[in-house]
C-alpha atoms as a PDB file:
ATOM      1  CA  UNK A   1      23.186 -60.946 -39.034  1.00  0.00           C
ATOM      2  CA  UNK A   2      23.650 -57.242 -37.833  1.00  0.00           C
ATOM      3  CA  UNK A   3      26.319 -56.735 -35.354  1.00  0.00           C
ATOM      4  CA  UNK A   4      24.809 -55.852 -32.826  1.00  0.00           C
ATOM      5  CA  UNK A   5      22.411 -59.692 -32.455  1.00  0.00           C
ATOM      6  CA  UNK A   6      26.705 -60.662 -32.547  1.00  0.00           C
ATOM      7  CA  UNK A   7      27.891 -58.419 -29.851  1.00  0.00           C
ATOM      8  CA  UNK A   8      24.871 -60.592 -27.172  1.00  0.00           C
ATOM      9  CA  UNK A   9      24.525 -64.421 -26.291  1.00  0.00           C
ATOM     10  CA  UNK A  10      23.283 -66.390 -28.912  1.00  0.00           C
ATOM     11  CA  UNK A  11      21.509 -63.743 -30.201  1.00  0.00           C
ATOM     12  CA  UNK A  12      19.718 -63.023 -27.695  1.00  0.00           C
ATOM     13  CA  UNK A  13      19.927 -59.684 -25.374  1.00  0.00           C
ATOM     14  CA  UNK A  14      18.364 -61.441 -22.163  1.00  0.00           C
ATOM     15  CA  UNK A  15      19.464 -64.488 -22.288  1.00  0.00           C
ATOM     16  CA  UNK A  16      23.406 -62.144 -22.299  1.00  0.00           C
ATOM     17  CA  UNK A  17      21.806 -60.093 -19.498  1.00  0.00           C
ATOM     18  CA  UNK A  18      21.049 -62.971 -17.785  1.00  0.00           C
ATOM     19  CA  UNK A  19      24.405 -64.414 -18.316  1.00  0.00           C
ATOM     20  CA  UNK A  20      26.309 -61.687 -17.192  1.00  0.00           C
ATOM     21  CA  UNK A  21      24.872 -61.330 -13.598  1.00  0.00           C
ATOM     22  CA  UNK A  22      24.672 -64.800 -13.086  1.00  0.00           C
ATOM     23  CA  UNK A  23      28.752 -64.937 -13.175  1.00  0.00           C
ATOM     24  CA  UNK A  24      28.938 -61.316 -11.715  1.00  0.00           C
ATOM     25  CA  UNK A  25      26.980 -62.903  -8.421  1.00  0.00           C
ATOM     26  CA  UNK A  26      28.970 -66.217  -8.792  1.00  0.00           C
ATOM     27  CA  UNK A  27      32.640 -64.839  -9.197  1.00  0.00           C
ATOM     28  CA  UNK A  28      32.126 -62.173  -6.743  1.00  0.00           C
ATOM     29  CA  UNK A  29      30.489 -64.222  -4.364  1.00  0.00           C
ATOM     30  CA  UNK A  30      33.878 -66.418  -4.540  1.00  0.00           C
ATOM     31  CA  UNK A  31      36.270 -63.497  -4.082  1.00  0.00           C
ATOM     32  CA  UNK A  32      35.022 -61.382  -0.987  1.00  0.00           C
ATOM     33  CA  UNK A  33      34.199 -64.624   0.619  1.00  0.00           C
ATOM     34  CA  UNK A  34      36.766 -64.629   4.276  1.00  0.00           C
ATOM     35  CA  UNK A  35      38.141 -67.439   4.960  1.00  0.00           C
ATOM     36  CA  UNK A  36      35.513 -69.975   2.613  1.00  0.00           C
ATOM     37  CA  UNK A  37      32.627 -68.112   4.395  1.00  0.00           C
ATOM     38  CA  UNK A  38      31.381 -68.715   0.789  1.00  0.00           C
ATOM     39  CA  UNK A  39      27.718 -68.810   2.498  1.00  0.00           C
ATOM     40  CA  UNK A  40      27.689 -64.757   3.937  1.00  0.00           C
ATOM     41  CA  UNK A  41      29.694 -63.662   0.751  1.00  0.00           C
ATOM     42  CA  UNK A  42      26.810 -65.099  -1.282  1.00  0.00           C
ATOM     43  CA  UNK A  43      24.295 -63.611   1.022  1.00  0.00           C
ATOM     44  CA  UNK A  44      25.979 -60.241   0.827  1.00  0.00           C
ATOM     45  CA  UNK A  45      26.148 -60.021  -2.845  1.00  0.00           C
ATOM     46  CA  UNK A  46      22.292 -62.005  -3.133  1.00  0.00           C
ATOM     47  CA  UNK A  47      20.895 -58.920  -0.906  1.00  0.00           C
ATOM     48  CA  UNK A  48      23.044 -56.236  -2.615  1.00  0.00           C
ATOM     49  CA  UNK A  49      22.772 -57.306  -6.603  1.00  0.00           C
ATOM     50  CA  UNK A  50      19.436 -55.620  -6.943  1.00  0.00           C
ATOM     51  CA  UNK A  51      20.808 -52.517  -6.355  1.00  0.00           C
ATOM     52  CA  UNK A  52      23.721 -52.657  -8.331  1.00  0.00           C
ATOM     53  CA  UNK A  53      21.642 -54.118 -11.540  1.00  0.00           C
ATOM     54  CA  UNK A  54      19.342 -50.946 -10.872  1.00  0.00           C
ATOM     55  CA  UNK A  55      22.379 -48.856 -10.911  1.00  0.00           C
ATOM     56  CA  UNK A  56      23.669 -50.357 -14.087  1.00  0.00           C
ATOM     57  CA  UNK A  57      20.387 -50.359 -15.969  1.00  0.00           C
ATOM     58  CA  UNK A  58      19.830 -46.886 -14.290  1.00  0.00           C
ATOM     59  CA  UNK A  59      23.558 -45.740 -16.190  1.00  0.00           C
ATOM     60  CA  UNK A  60      22.661 -47.220 -19.835  1.00  0.00           C
ATOM     61  CA  UNK A  61      19.118 -47.029 -20.414  1.00  0.00           C
ATOM     62  CA  UNK A  62      19.090 -43.536 -19.080  1.00  0.00           C
ATOM     63  CA  UNK A  63      21.438 -41.240 -17.917  1.00  0.00           C
ATOM     64  CA  UNK A  64      23.938 -42.737 -21.652  1.00  0.00           C
ATOM     65  CA  UNK A  65      21.760 -42.155 -23.743  1.00  0.00           C
ATOM     66  CA  UNK A  66      19.724 -39.372 -22.124  1.00  0.00           C
ATOM     67  CA  UNK A  67      23.256 -36.726 -21.610  1.00  0.00           C
ATOM     68  CA  UNK A  68      26.560 -37.975 -22.461  1.00  0.00           C
ATOM     69  CA  UNK A  69      25.326 -39.366 -25.740  1.00  0.00           C
ATOM     70  CA  UNK A  70      23.898 -35.909 -26.607  1.00  0.00           C
ATOM     71  CA  UNK A  71      27.016 -34.215 -25.213  1.00  0.00           C
ATOM     72  CA  UNK A  72      25.294 -32.426 -22.202  1.00  0.00           C
ATOM     73  CA  UNK A  73      28.218 -33.167 -20.392  1.00  0.00           C
ATOM     74  CA  UNK A  74      27.697 -31.353 -17.132  1.00  0.00           C
ATOM     75  CA  UNK A  75      24.413 -32.680 -16.601  1.00  0.00           C
ATOM     76  CA  UNK A  76      26.374 -36.182 -17.439  1.00  0.00           C
ATOM     77  CA  UNK A  77      28.008 -35.642 -13.975  1.00  0.00           C
ATOM     78  CA  UNK A  78      25.538 -34.396 -11.807  1.00  0.00           C
ATOM     79  CA  UNK A  79      23.522 -37.018 -12.680  1.00  0.00           C
ATOM     80  CA  UNK A  80      26.000 -39.326 -12.608  1.00  0.00           C
ATOM     81  CA  UNK A  81      27.216 -37.928  -9.420  1.00  0.00           C
ATOM     82  CA  UNK A  82      23.371 -38.290  -8.147  1.00  0.00           C
ATOM     83  CA  UNK A  83      23.066 -41.993  -9.295  1.00  0.00           C
ATOM     84  CA  UNK A  84      26.023 -43.045  -7.136  1.00  0.00           C
ATOM     85  CA  UNK A  85      25.176 -41.434  -3.626  1.00  0.00           C
ATOM     86  CA  UNK A  86      21.626 -43.052  -4.338  1.00  0.00           C
ATOM     87  CA  UNK A  87      22.797 -46.453  -4.370  1.00  0.00           C
ATOM     88  CA  UNK A  88      25.123 -46.440  -1.807  1.00  0.00           C
ATOM     89  CA  UNK A  89      23.096 -44.675   0.659  1.00  0.00           C
ATOM     90  CA  UNK A  90      20.599 -47.492  -0.636  1.00  0.00           C
ATOM     91  CA  UNK A  91      23.494 -50.347  -0.383  1.00  0.00           C
ATOM     92  CA  UNK A  92      24.233 -48.820   3.566  1.00  0.00           C
ATOM     93  CA  UNK A  93      20.360 -49.128   4.714  1.00  0.00           C
ATOM     94  CA  UNK A  94      20.956 -52.772   2.608  1.00  0.00           C
ATOM     95  CA  UNK A  95      24.090 -54.044   4.882  1.00  0.00           C
ATOM     96  CA  UNK A  96      22.795 -52.571   7.385  1.00  0.00           C
ATOM     97  CA  UNK A  97      19.396 -54.230   7.953  1.00  0.00           C
ATOM     98  CA  UNK A  98      20.243 -57.094   6.724  1.00  0.00           C
ATOM     99  CA  UNK A  99      23.382 -58.763   6.736  1.00  0.00           C
ATOM    100  CA  UNK A 100      24.573 -56.456   9.896  1.00  0.00           C
ATOM    101  CA  UNK A 101      21.627 -57.490  11.206  1.00  0.00           C
ATOM    102  CA  UNK A 102      20.943 -54.141  13.965  1.00  0.00           C
ATOM    103  CA  UNK A 103      17.791 -54.409  15.413  1.00  0.00           C
ATOM    104  CA  UNK A 104      18.752 -50.201  16.358  1.00  0.00           C
ATOM    105  CA  UNK A 105      18.882 -47.727  13.876  1.00  0.00           C
ATOM    106  CA  UNK A 106      22.432 -45.389  14.827  1.00  0.00           C
ATOM    107  CA  UNK A 107      22.368 -43.134  11.919  1.00  0.00           C
ATOM    108  CA  UNK A 108      26.044 -42.021  12.498  1.00  0.00           C
ATOM    109  CA  UNK A 109      26.715 -45.756  11.278  1.00  0.00           C
ATOM    110  CA  UNK A 110      24.525 -46.369   8.416  1.00  0.00           C
ATOM    111  CA  UNK A 111      25.747 -42.756   7.074  1.00  0.00           C
ATOM    112  CA  UNK A 112      29.098 -43.467   7.998  1.00  0.00           C
ATOM    113  CA  UNK A 113      31.447 -41.571   5.515  1.00  0.00           C
ATOM    114  CA  UNK A 114      33.710 -44.633   5.390  1.00  0.00           C
ATOM    115  CA  UNK A 115      31.093 -46.809   4.613  1.00  0.00           C
ATOM    116  CA  UNK A 116      29.538 -44.619   2.372  1.00  0.00           C
ATOM    117  CA  UNK A 117      32.296 -44.246   0.612  1.00  0.00           C
ATOM    118  CA  UNK A 118      32.904 -47.991   0.077  1.00  0.00           C
ATOM    119  CA  UNK A 119      29.421 -48.642  -1.478  1.00  0.00           C
ATOM    120  CA  UNK A 120      30.546 -45.695  -4.364  1.00  0.00           C
ATOM    121  CA  UNK A 121      33.436 -47.333  -4.891  1.00  0.00           C
ATOM    122  CA  UNK A 122      31.802 -50.674  -5.221  1.00  0.00           C
ATOM    123  CA  UNK A 123      29.121 -49.516  -7.446  1.00  0.00           C
ATOM    124  CA  UNK A 124      30.951 -47.388  -9.506  1.00  0.00           C
ATOM    125  CA  UNK A 125      33.556 -50.613 -10.778  1.00  0.00           C
ATOM    126  CA  UNK A 126      29.904 -52.521 -11.590  1.00  0.00           C
ATOM    127  CA  UNK A 127      28.077 -49.475 -13.264  1.00  0.00           C
ATOM    128  CA  UNK A 128      31.860 -48.455 -15.243  1.00  0.00           C
ATOM    129  CA  UNK A 129      32.520 -52.214 -16.754  1.00  0.00           C
ATOM    130  CA  UNK A 130      29.219 -52.768 -17.721  1.00  0.00           C
ATOM    131  CA  UNK A 131      29.047 -49.348 -19.144  1.00  0.00           C
ATOM    132  CA  UNK A 132      32.405 -49.527 -20.984  1.00  0.00           C
ATOM    133  CA  UNK A 133      31.018 -52.842 -22.641  1.00  0.00           C
ATOM    134  CA  UNK A 134      27.716 -50.600 -23.547  1.00  0.00           C
ATOM    135  CA  UNK A 135      30.006 -47.612 -25.320  1.00  0.00           C
ATOM    136  CA  UNK A 136      31.585 -50.656 -26.925  1.00  0.00           C
ATOM    137  CA  UNK A 137      28.672 -51.427 -28.146  1.00  0.00           C
ATOM    138  CA  UNK A 138      27.743 -48.533 -29.705  1.00  0.00           C
ATOM    139  CA  UNK A 139      30.560 -47.675 -30.840  1.00  0.00           C
ATOM    140  CA  UNK A 140      30.314 -51.235 -33.623  1.00  0.00           C
ATOM    141  CA  UNK A 141      26.441 -50.180 -34.340  1.00  0.00           C
ATOM    142  CA  UNK A 142      28.285 -47.006 -35.459  1.00  0.00           C
ATOM    143  CA  UNK A 143      31.197 -48.650 -37.199  1.00  0.00           C
ATOM    144  CA  UNK A 144      28.594 -50.439 -39.181  1.00  0.00           C
ATOM    145  CA  UNK A 145      26.856 -47.570 -40.283  1.00  0.00           C
ATOM    146  CA  UNK A 146      29.920 -46.082 -41.588  1.00  0.00           C
ATOM    147  CA  UNK A 147      30.186 -48.624 -43.259  1.00  0.00           C
ATOM    148  CA  UNK A 148      27.241 -48.595 -44.506  1.00  0.00           C
ATOM    149  CA  UNK A 149      27.060 -45.002 -45.815  1.00  0.00           C
ATOM    150  CA  UNK A 150      30.656 -45.700 -47.934  1.00  0.00           C
ATOM    151  CA  UNK A 151      28.769 -48.647 -49.998  1.00  0.00           C
ATOM    152  CA  UNK A 152      26.884 -45.694 -50.623  1.00  0.00           C
ATOM    153  CA  UNK A 153      23.442 -47.777 -51.503  1.00  0.00           C
ATOM    154  CA  UNK A 154      20.216 -48.384 -49.070  1.00  0.00           C
ATOM    155  CA  UNK A 155      17.979 -51.216 -50.029  1.00  0.00           C
ATOM    156  CA  UNK A 156      14.524 -50.421 -49.488  1.00  0.00           C
ATOM    157  CA  UNK A 157      11.865 -53.533 -49.756  1.00  0.00           C
ATOM    158  CA  UNK A 158       8.904 -52.477 -51.424  1.00  0.00           C
ATOM    159  CA  UNK A 159       6.014 -54.474 -52.874  1.00  0.00           C
ATOM    160  CA  UNK A 160       8.047 -57.279 -53.965  1.00  0.00           C
ATOM    161  CA  UNK A 161      11.097 -54.706 -54.815  1.00  0.00           C
ATOM    162  CA  UNK A 162      14.370 -53.566 -53.889  1.00  0.00           C
ATOM    163  CA  UNK A 163      15.346 -50.770 -54.857  1.00  0.00           C
ATOM    164  CA  UNK A 164      18.827 -49.549 -54.086  1.00  0.00           C
ATOM    165  CA  UNK A 165      19.427 -45.483 -53.191  1.00  0.00           C
ATOM    166  CA  UNK A 166      21.701 -43.025 -52.604  1.00  0.00           C
ATOM    167  CA  UNK A 167      21.463 -41.287 -48.824  1.00  0.00           C
ATOM    168  CA  UNK A 168      21.452 -38.399 -50.593  1.00  0.00           C
ATOM    169  CA  UNK A 169      18.755 -39.006 -52.220  1.00  0.00           C
ATOM    170  CA  UNK A 170      16.198 -38.973 -48.881  1.00  0.00           C
ATOM    171  CA  UNK A 171      15.319 -36.250 -47.673  1.00  0.00           C
ATOM    172  CA  UNK A 172      13.190 -37.620 -44.838  1.00  0.00           C
ATOM    173  CA  UNK A 173      11.299 -40.175 -43.513  1.00  0.00           C
ATOM    174  CA  UNK A 174       8.803 -41.308 -42.235  1.00  0.00           C
ATOM    175  CA  UNK A 175       6.618 -43.765 -39.722  1.00  0.00           C
ATOM    176  CA  UNK A 176       3.189 -44.875 -39.743  1.00  0.00           C
ATOM    177  CA  UNK A 177       1.434 -47.758 -37.997  1.00  0.00           C
ATOM    178  CA  UNK A 178       3.854 -51.316 -39.820  1.00  0.00           C
ATOM    179  CA  UNK A 179       5.483 -49.178 -42.263  1.00  0.00           C
ATOM    180  CA  UNK A 180       7.817 -45.448 -43.236  1.00  0.00           C
ATOM    181  CA  UNK A 181       7.844 -44.202 -46.191  1.00  0.00           C
ATOM    182  CA  UNK A 182      10.944 -42.573 -47.028  1.00  0.00           C
ATOM    183  CA  UNK A 183      10.348 -38.636 -48.879  1.00  0.00           C
ATOM    184  CA  UNK A 184      13.125 -38.111 -52.251  1.00  0.00           C
ATOM    185  CA  UNK A 185      14.712 -35.272 -53.002  1.00  0.00           C
ATOM    186  CA  UNK A 186      13.283 -35.869 -56.454  1.00  0.00           C
ATOM    187  CA  UNK A 187       9.251 -35.892 -54.979  1.00  0.00           C
ATOM    188  CA  UNK A 188       9.159 -39.998 -55.103  1.00  0.00           C
ATOM    189  CA  UNK A 189       8.157 -41.940 -51.842  1.00  0.00           C
ATOM    190  CA  UNK A 190       9.138 -45.594 -51.296  1.00  0.00           C
ATOM    191  CA  UNK A 191       6.563 -47.081 -48.614  1.00  0.00           C
ATOM    192  CA  UNK A 192       8.205 -49.738 -47.276  1.00  0.00           C
ATOM    193  CA  UNK A 193       7.011 -52.220 -44.417  1.00  0.00           C
ATOM    194  CA  UNK A 194       9.887 -51.296 -41.512  1.00  0.00           C
ATOM    195  CA  UNK A 195      10.247 -49.630 -38.397  1.00  0.00           C
ATOM    196  CA  UNK A 196      11.116 -46.526 -37.690  1.00  0.00           C
ATOM    197  CA  UNK A 197      14.000 -48.385 -35.729  1.00  0.00           C
ATOM    198  CA  UNK A 198      15.074 -50.648 -38.184  1.00  0.00           C
ATOM    199  CA  UNK A 199      15.410 -48.280 -40.925  1.00  0.00           C
ATOM    200  CA  UNK A 200      17.337 -45.903 -38.938  1.00  0.00           C
ATOM    201  CA  UNK A 201      19.890 -48.834 -38.183  1.00  0.00           C
ATOM    202  CA  UNK A 202      20.356 -48.767 -42.393  1.00  0.00           C
ATOM    203  CA  UNK A 203      20.948 -45.425 -42.776  1.00  0.00           C
ATOM    204  CA  UNK A 204      24.145 -43.375 -42.309  1.00  0.00           C
ATOM    205  CA  UNK A 205      25.173 -41.108 -39.114  1.00  0.00           C
ATOM    206  CA  UNK A 206      23.972 -38.003 -39.936  1.00  0.00           C
ATOM    207  CA  UNK A 207      20.489 -39.307 -40.809  1.00  0.00           C
ATOM    208  CA  UNK A 208      19.132 -38.270 -37.397  1.00  0.00           C
ATOM    209  CA  UNK A 209      15.107 -39.373 -35.509  1.00  0.00           C
ATOM    210  CA  UNK A 210      13.729 -36.248 -34.044  1.00  0.00           C
ATOM    211  CA  UNK A 211      10.514 -37.440 -33.419  1.00  0.00           C
ATOM    212  CA  UNK A 212       8.874 -41.114 -32.723  1.00  0.00           C
ATOM    213  CA  UNK A 213       7.294 -41.270 -36.558  1.00  0.00           C
ATOM    214  CA  UNK A 214       9.838 -38.714 -38.796  1.00  0.00           C
ATOM    215  CA  UNK A 215      13.859 -39.627 -39.313  1.00  0.00           C
ATOM    216  CA  UNK A 216      15.586 -36.505 -41.526  1.00  0.00           C
ATOM    217  CA  UNK A 217      18.789 -36.090 -43.635  1.00  0.00           C
ATOM    218  CA  UNK A 218      20.224 -33.655 -41.728  1.00  0.00           C
ATOM    219  CA  UNK A 219      22.547 -33.066 -44.985  1.00  0.00           C
ATOM    220  CA  UNK A 220      18.835 -31.216 -46.302  1.00  0.00           C
ATOM    221  CA  UNK A 221      17.830 -29.456 -42.870  1.00  0.00           C
ATOM    222  CA  UNK A 222      17.328 -25.769 -44.669  1.00  0.00           C
ATOM    223  CA  UNK A 223      16.683 -24.243 -40.682  1.00  0.00           C
ATOM    224  CA  UNK A 224      15.600 -25.486 -37.442  1.00  0.00           C
ATOM    225  CA  UNK A 225      14.299 -24.059 -33.866  1.00  0.00           C
ATOM    226  CA  UNK A 226      13.495 -25.999 -31.264  1.00  0.00           C
ATOM    227  CA  UNK A 227       9.763 -27.263 -32.005  1.00  0.00           C
ATOM    228  CA  UNK A 228      10.644 -28.143 -35.366  1.00  0.00           C
ATOM    229  CA  UNK A 229      13.274 -28.247 -38.675  1.00  0.00           C
ATOM    230  CA  UNK A 230      12.555 -27.640 -42.306  1.00  0.00           C
ATOM    231  CA  UNK A 231      13.247 -29.625 -45.566  1.00  0.00           C
ATOM    232  CA  UNK A 232      11.933 -29.196 -48.422  1.00  0.00           C
ATOM    233  CA  UNK A 233       9.520 -26.434 -47.655  1.00  0.00           C
ATOM    234  CA  UNK A 234       8.262 -29.483 -44.820  1.00  0.00           C
ATOM    235  CA  UNK A 235       7.510 -28.230 -40.994  1.00  0.00           C
ATOM    236  CA  UNK A 236       8.251 -31.429 -39.568  1.00  0.00           C
ATOM    237  CA  UNK A 237       8.363 -31.524 -35.237  1.00  0.00           C
ATOM    238  CA  UNK A 238      10.865 -32.386 -33.353  1.00  0.00           C
ATOM    239  CA  UNK A 239       9.435 -35.027 -30.265  1.00  0.00           C
ATOM    240  CA  UNK A 240       9.533 -33.465 -26.656  1.00  0.00           C
ATOM    241  CA  UNK A 241      12.462 -35.823 -25.271  1.00  0.00           C
ATOM    242  CA  UNK A 242      14.593 -34.731 -28.514  1.00  0.00           C
ATOM    243  CA  UNK A 243      16.534 -32.363 -29.778  1.00  0.00           C
ATOM    244  CA  UNK A 244      18.090 -31.538 -33.536  1.00  0.00           C
ATOM    245  CA  UNK A 245      21.756 -29.987 -33.391  1.00  0.00           C
ATOM    246  CA  UNK A 246      22.857 -29.712 -36.794  1.00  0.00           C
END
């Protein structure tokens, strides 16, 4: 069983996410209650929860993979700061209109620096917590890949047979529909009923997905540009949202 499935509650991503946010809501609604005013506390957490969920998912599914994980550190810091600012502004609007029950807009109160800062701190604590779990998950996934790589052979199922192939023999992988083709260095090809994601999961870390239809073994890349890479005189395109770095 994959370590990713072990990471999720009952092996389900949906159940894990629902369970976490339900627990988060119940816990923080209880913690922030003043003098037993649980109704007000849980109401506040209810109206603010969508902002924190949205900010968290933007971080772990957009900002992390598109900046930090590809070593774009300046872009990560800028995106992170912008995310916190936008979420803090949204939180202040929600609190001002739905919790503090103001009938007249007073912008100096909506954008009060101390209240914006407090919103940033609260939202950041949630985002950091979930991002920490996500980074831990990615660490275990990468470790599992390295463990598989240390066993040297990759199992590829094709035509009711299982082929044992050394990762170094694989030049690149091409996906087409529900099938992937493994192009080997000895000119052989193995066609397997699988997805690109599943194929990438069983390959070592030096295999990079550079296009929705291509995974390349960076050890066999002879040249590359922003548009494509070359392996065994084959030119393989790089997707618009992806890149290649040796």
